[in-house]
C-alpha atoms as a PDB file:
ATOM      1  CA  THR A   1     310.547 -45.695-205.373  1.00  0.00           C
ATOM      2  CA  THR A   2     312.116 -42.509-204.002  1.00  0.00           C
ATOM      3  CA  PHE A   3     315.525 -44.174-204.452  1.00  0.00           C
ATOM      4  CA  PHE A   4     314.866 -44.518-208.175  1.00  0.00           C
ATOM      5  CA  ALA A   5     313.721 -40.896-208.448  1.00  0.00           C
ATOM      6  CA  ARG A   6     317.018 -39.827-206.829  1.00  0.00           C
ATOM      7  CA  ALA A   7     318.952 -42.208-209.098  1.00  0.00           C
ATOM      8  CA  ALA A   8     317.299 -40.720-212.194  1.00  0.00           C
ATOM      9  CA  ALA A   9     318.126 -37.211-210.968  1.00  0.00           C
ATOM     10  CA  ALA A  10     321.745 -38.284-210.285  1.00  0.00           C
ATOM     11  CA  GLU A  11     322.117 -39.188-213.948  1.00  0.00           C
ATOM     12  CA  SER A  12     321.784 -35.563-215.035  1.00  0.00           C
ATOM     13  CA  SER A  13     323.182 -33.788-211.960  1.00  0.00           C
ATOM     14  CA  GLY A  14     326.671 -35.273-211.836  1.00  0.00           C
ATOM     15  CA  VAL A  15     326.097 -37.131-208.532  1.00  0.00           C
ATOM     16  CA  ALA A  16     328.196 -40.307-208.378  1.00  0.00           C
ATOM     17  CA  HIS A  17     326.101 -43.386-209.154  1.00  0.00           C
ATOM     18  CA  GLY A  18     326.208 -46.803-210.764  1.00  0.00           C
ATOM     19  CA  ALA A  19     323.910 -49.566-211.940  1.00  0.00           C
ATOM     20  CA  LEU A  20     324.191 -53.150-213.092  1.00  0.00           C
ATOM     21  CA  VAL A  21     321.547 -55.312-214.784  1.00  0.00           C
ATOM     22  CA  ALA A  22     321.752 -59.101-215.163  1.00  0.00           C
ATOM     23  CA  ARG A  23     319.873 -60.441-218.168  1.00  0.00           C
ATOM     24  CA  THR A  24     318.944 -63.929-219.303  1.00  0.00           C
ATOM     25  CA  PRO A  25     320.156 -65.148-222.718  1.00  0.00           C
ATOM     26  CA  THR A  26     316.764 -64.056-224.110  1.00  0.00           C
ATOM     27  CA  GLY A  27     317.222 -60.524-222.764  1.00  0.00           C
ATOM     28  CA  ASP A  28     314.816 -60.720-219.824  1.00  0.00           C
ATOM     29  CA  CYS A  29     315.868 -58.998-216.603  1.00  0.00           C
ATOM     30  CA  ALA A  30     317.100 -61.529-214.035  1.00  0.00           C
ATOM     31  CA  GLY A  31     318.249 -58.954-211.483  1.00  0.00           C
ATOM     32  CA  PHE A  32     319.594 -55.456-210.944  1.00  0.00           C
ATOM     33  CA  ALA A  33     321.634 -53.446-208.476  1.00  0.00           C
ATOM     34  CA  ALA A  34     322.132 -49.687-208.243  1.00  0.00           C
ATOM     35  CA  TRP A  35     323.809 -47.153-205.973  1.00  0.00           C
ATOM     36  CA  ILE A  36     323.833 -43.384-205.640  1.00  0.00           C
ATOM     37  CA  ALA A  37     326.049 -41.180-203.502  1.00  0.00           C
ATOM     38  CA  ARG A  38     324.496 -39.168-200.655  1.00  0.00           C
ATOM     39  CA  ASP A  39     327.777 -37.332-200.089  1.00  0.00           C
ATOM     40  CA  GLU A  40     331.417 -37.998-200.927  1.00  0.00           C
ATOM     41  CA  HIS A  41     331.709 -41.015-198.568  1.00  0.00           C
ATOM     42  CA  HIS A  42     328.194 -42.457-198.160  1.00  0.00           C
ATOM     43  CA  GLY A  43     325.599 -43.780-200.561  1.00  0.00           C
ATOM     44  CA  GLU A  44     322.422 -45.796-200.925  1.00  0.00           C
ATOM     45  CA  PHE A  45     321.873 -49.191-202.521  1.00  0.00           C
ATOM     46  CA  ALA A  46     318.813 -50.853-204.016  1.00  0.00           C
ATOM     47  CA  GLY A  47     318.442 -54.028-206.003  1.00  0.00           C
ATOM     48  CA  GLY A  48     316.325 -57.030-206.746  1.00  0.00           C
ATOM     49  CA  VAL A  49     316.366 -60.470-208.301  1.00  0.00           C
ATOM     50  CA  ASP A  50     313.568 -62.190-210.197  1.00  0.00           C
ATOM     51  CA  PRO A  51     312.135 -64.902-207.885  1.00  0.00           C
ATOM     52  CA  SER A  52     312.901 -67.590-210.481  1.00  0.00           C
ATOM     53  CA  PHE A  53     316.610 -66.823-209.951  1.00  0.00           C
ATOM     54  CA  ALA A  54     316.438 -66.716-206.138  1.00  0.00           C
ATOM     55  CA  GLU A  55     318.930 -68.780-204.142  1.00  0.00           C
ATOM     56  CA  LEU A  56     321.392 -69.051-207.049  1.00  0.00           C
ATOM     57  CA  GLY A  57     323.730 -66.382-205.680  1.00  0.00           C
ATOM     58  CA  LEU A  58     322.826 -63.761-208.298  1.00  0.00           C
ATOM     59  CA  GLY A  59     321.826 -61.173-205.679  1.00  0.00           C
ATOM     60  CA  THR A  60     325.081 -61.643-203.774  1.00  0.00           C
ATOM     61  CA  LEU A  61     327.097 -61.388-206.988  1.00  0.00           C
ATOM     62  CA  LEU A  62     325.328 -58.155-207.980  1.00  0.00           C
ATOM     63  CA  LEU A  63     325.734 -56.705-204.480  1.00  0.00           C
ATOM     64  CA  ARG A  64     329.448 -57.498-204.291  1.00  0.00           C
ATOM     65  CA  ARG A  65     330.085 -56.057-207.775  1.00  0.00           C
ATOM     66  CA  ILE A  66     328.140 -52.853-207.090  1.00  0.00           C
ATOM     67  CA  ALA A  67     329.853 -52.502-203.687  1.00  0.00           C
ATOM     68  CA  ARG A  68     333.240 -52.755-205.407  1.00  0.00           C
ATOM     69  CA  ASP A  69     332.198 -50.088-207.928  1.00  0.00           C
ATOM     70  CA  ALA A  70     330.918 -47.756-205.183  1.00  0.00           C
ATOM     71  CA  HIS A  71     334.121 -48.266-203.177  1.00  0.00           C
ATOM     72  CA  SER A  72     336.206 -47.492-206.283  1.00  0.00           C
ATOM     73  CA  ALA A  73     334.217 -44.251-206.604  1.00  0.00           C
ATOM     74  CA  GLY A  74     335.336 -43.295-203.072  1.00  0.00           C
ATOM     75  CA  LEU A  75     332.341 -44.357-201.005  1.00  0.00           C
ATOM     76  CA  GLN A  76     332.904 -45.910-197.583  1.00  0.00           C
ATOM     77  CA  THR A  77     329.343 -47.100-196.889  1.00  0.00           C
ATOM     78  CA  LEU A  78     326.159 -48.003-198.742  1.00  0.00           C
ATOM     79  CA  ARG A  79     322.850 -47.866-196.875  1.00  0.00           C
ATOM     80  CA  VAL A  80     320.074 -50.354-197.583  1.00  0.00           C
ATOM     81  CA  GLU A  81     316.543 -49.929-196.221  1.00  0.00           C
ATOM     82  CA  LEU A  82     314.706 -53.122-195.337  1.00  0.00           C
ATOM     83  CA  HIS A  83     310.934 -53.060-195.135  1.00  0.00           C
ATOM     84  CA  PRO A  84     308.717 -55.760-193.595  1.00  0.00           C
ATOM     85  CA  GLY A  85     308.906 -58.865-195.729  1.00  0.00           C
ATOM     86  CA  SER A  86     312.552 -58.327-196.728  1.00  0.00           C
ATOM     87  CA  GLN A  87     313.848 -61.491-195.057  1.00  0.00           C
ATOM     88  CA  ALA A  88     315.557 -62.790-198.213  1.00  0.00           C
ATOM     89  CA  ILE A  89     317.397 -59.499-198.724  1.00  0.00           C
ATOM     90  CA  ALA A  90     318.367 -59.401-195.047  1.00  0.00           C
ATOM     91  CA  ALA A  91     319.809 -62.917-195.338  1.00  0.00           C
ATOM     92  CA  MET A  92     321.748 -61.955-198.474  1.00  0.00           C
ATOM     93  CA  LEU A  93     323.193 -58.886-196.723  1.00  0.00           C
ATOM     94  CA  ARG A  94     324.140 -60.986-193.711  1.00  0.00           C
ATOM     95  CA  ASP A  95     325.914 -63.546-195.899  1.00  0.00           C
ATOM     96  CA  SER A  96     327.465 -61.124-198.416  1.00  0.00           C
ATOM     97  CA  GLY A  97     330.875 -60.994-196.763  1.00  0.00           C
ATOM     98  CA  LEU A  98     330.612 -57.259-196.154  1.00  0.00           C
ATOM     99  CA  HIS A  99     330.805 -55.838-192.669  1.00  0.00           C
ATOM    100  CA  THR A 100     327.421 -54.429-191.764  1.00  0.00           C
ATOM    101  CA  HIS A 101     325.891 -52.141-189.167  1.00  0.00           C
ATOM    102  CA  TRP A 102     322.202 -52.858-188.504  1.00  0.00           C
ATOM    103  CA  ASP A 103     319.743 -50.240-187.215  1.00  0.00           C
ATOM    104  CA  LEU A 104     316.602 -52.233-186.421  1.00  0.00           C
ATOM    105  CA  ASP A 105     314.187 -49.308-186.060  1.00  0.00           C
ATOM    106  CA  HIS A 106     310.682 -50.723-186.693  1.00  0.00           C
ATOM    107  CA  PRO A 107     309.082 -50.889-189.269  1.00  0.00           C
ATOM    108  CA  VAL A 108     312.008 -49.974-191.547  1.00  0.00           C
ATOM    109  CA  ALA A 109     315.441 -51.340-190.698  1.00  0.00           C
ATOM    110  CA  SER A 110     318.561 -49.736-192.146  1.00  0.00           C
ATOM    111  CA  VAL A 111     321.725 -51.635-192.913  1.00  0.00           C
ATOM    112  CA  ASP A 112     324.991 -49.841-193.605  1.00  0.00           C
ATOM    113  CA  LEU A 113     327.370 -51.913-195.719  1.00  0.00           C
ATOM    114  CA  ILE A 114     330.939 -51.033-194.780  1.00  0.00           C
ATOM    115  CA  LEU A 115     332.947 -51.020-198.013  1.00  0.00           C
ATOM    116  CA  GLY A 116     336.595 -51.981-198.237  1.00  0.00           C
ATOM    117  CA  SER A 117     336.496 -54.079-195.065  1.00  0.00           C
ATOM    118  CA  GLN A 118     337.390 -57.688-194.454  1.00  0.00           C
ATOM    119  CA  ARG A 119     335.715 -60.526-192.608  1.00  0.00           C
ATOM    120  CA  PRO A 120     337.574 -63.743-191.780  1.00  0.00           C
ATOM    121  CA  GLY A 121     337.454 -65.982-194.829  1.00  0.00           C
ATOM    122  CA  TRP A 122     336.249 -63.204-197.155  1.00  0.00           C
ATOM    123  CA  VAL A 123     338.051 -60.626-199.230  1.00  0.00           C
ATOM    124  CA  THR A 124     335.461 -57.916-199.732  1.00  0.00           C
ATOM    125  CA  PRO A 125     335.306 -55.029-202.167  1.00  0.00           C
END
């Protein structure tokens, strides 16, 4: 929730940020992704997907698109905080194709997504 308070403040303060919402044909929210800059090279990411759309690749698609947008804005990393029970998000981050750096400090793990990098078999944003 503090991420979203910072994101709302970024809207009016000129801090670099971006957001993407995926909607169903009826207009319901299927998923979202957002980022805000912490400084000129590093930012934070948050997102979510409605459970009825889980395992369809929507979360990965949103993450890769938002990572490309953040990289285009000049960011080199996006940090994601994982709380207990975030196994699905952790799996998505692991499989996203982005290089990652994991800090497994209990109870909240941080994952830095390295933007503009490449993994064998993947061309990443």
